[in-house]
Amino acid sequence: CLARDIVNIVACEDAERIERYEVAGKWRARMTMAGFTVYPINTSVDNSIRPLFESRGNNYRLKAEKGALHLGWLDKVLVVVSAWHLESHSMIK
């Protein structure tokens, strides 16, 4: 389901590039400022996904970093998967 996005991110530059995702650091900062805390991805999720990546060849990457999973192709991170929870429910109105 992400094939078009992946091709666009990996192969296209400048005007040809349609997909323009924000970097994970910006999302992390926004979520933190809004009162959320990263809820680390469980190692069982990592362990169940990793064999799928490894079975597809050496070009796919899966890296756990700062509580999130970074899914990539070669040296390019394509998608970051993370979970968050609200520290204080008093912020919700």
Protein backbone atom coordinates (compact mmCIF):
# COMPACT_ATOMS: atom_id res chain seq x y z
CA CYS A 1 0.00 0.00 0.00
CA LEU A 2 3.02 2.29 0.35
CA ALA A 3 4.65 1.42 -3.00
CA ARG A 4 3.91 4.78 -4.67
CA ASP A 5 5.06 6.72 -1.59
CA ILE A 6 8.27 4.69 -1.33
CA VAL A 7 9.15 5.16 -5.00
CA ASN A 8 8.47 8.89 -4.71
CA ILE A 9 10.58 9.27 -1.55
CA VAL A 10 13.49 7.16 -2.79
CA ALA A 11 13.64 8.00 -6.50
CA CYS A 12 12.26 11.51 -6.95
CA GLU A 13 13.71 14.91 -6.15
CA ASP A 14 12.72 18.56 -6.56
CA ALA A 15 9.50 19.11 -8.56
CA GLU A 16 9.00 15.37 -9.17
CA ARG A 17 8.83 14.71 -5.45
CA ILE A 18 5.20 14.70 -4.32
CA GLU A 19 5.47 13.13 -0.89
CA ARG A 20 6.98 15.47 1.70
CA TYR A 21 6.76 13.92 5.10
CA GLU A 22 8.03 15.69 8.18
CA VAL A 23 11.04 14.28 9.94
CA ALA A 24 10.47 12.20 13.07
CA GLY A 25 12.25 14.76 15.26
CA LYS A 26 9.63 17.42 14.45
CA TRP A 27 6.78 15.06 15.30
CA ARG A 28 8.52 14.06 18.51
CA ALA A 29 8.89 17.73 19.50
CA ARG A 30 5.25 18.52 18.66
CA MET A 31 3.91 15.55 20.57
CA THR A 32 6.11 16.32 23.59
CA MET A 33 5.04 19.99 23.63
CA ALA A 34 1.41 18.83 23.54
CA GLY A 35 1.96 16.80 26.71
CA PHE A 36 2.40 13.37 25.18
CA THR A 37 5.11 10.87 26.05
CA VAL A 38 6.43 8.22 23.71
CA TYR A 39 5.14 4.77 24.58
CA PRO A 40 7.96 2.48 23.44
CA ILE A 41 7.17 -0.13 20.82
CA ASN A 42 7.21 -3.52 22.49
CA THR A 43 10.19 -5.72 21.65
CA SER A 44 7.79 -8.51 20.63
CA VAL A 45 6.52 -6.25 17.83
CA ASP A 46 10.10 -5.60 16.72
CA ASN A 47 10.91 -9.32 16.92
CA SER A 48 7.86 -10.27 14.83
CA ILE A 49 8.49 -7.66 12.12
CA ARG A 50 12.28 -8.06 11.81
CA PRO A 51 12.16 -11.53 10.14
CA LEU A 52 9.81 -10.12 7.48
CA PHE A 53 12.35 -7.43 6.64
CA GLU A 54 15.28 -9.85 6.66
CA SER A 55 13.44 -12.27 4.35
CA ARG A 56 13.04 -9.53 1.73
CA GLY A 57 16.77 -9.00 1.26
CA ASN A 58 19.58 -6.84 2.55
CA ASN A 59 18.22 -3.51 1.31
CA TYR A 60 15.39 -3.17 3.81
CA ARG A 61 16.20 -1.71 7.21
CA LEU A 62 14.44 -1.85 10.55
CA LYS A 63 15.95 0.07 13.44
CA ALA A 64 14.57 0.64 16.93
CA GLU A 65 15.46 4.15 18.12
CA LYS A 66 14.04 6.41 20.85
CA GLY A 67 11.07 4.10 21.42
CA ALA A 68 10.07 4.01 17.74
CA LEU A 69 10.67 1.70 14.79
CA HIS A 70 12.36 3.23 11.76
CA LEU A 71 11.55 1.36 8.55
CA GLY A 72 13.82 2.07 5.63
CA TRP A 73 15.34 1.23 2.30
CA LEU A 74 19.15 1.27 2.18
CA ASP A 75 20.20 4.41 4.11
CA LYS A 76 16.84 6.21 3.75
CA VAL A 77 14.24 6.09 6.55
CA LEU A 78 10.83 5.86 4.90
CA VAL A 79 8.41 5.50 7.80
CA VAL A 80 8.69 5.86 11.56
CA VAL A 81 6.21 3.94 13.67
CA SER A 82 5.60 5.23 17.17
CA ALA A 83 2.97 5.17 19.90
CA TRP A 84 2.19 7.98 22.35
CA HIS A 85 0.18 8.48 25.50
CA LEU A 86 -1.00 11.63 27.23
CA GLU A 87 0.85 12.17 30.52
CA SER A 88 -1.86 14.16 32.21
CA HIS A 89 -5.54 13.95 31.44
CA SER A 90 -5.99 17.39 33.01
CA MET A 91 -4.83 18.89 29.70
CA ILE A 92 -7.93 17.58 27.93
CA LYS A 93 -10.86 19.99 28.04
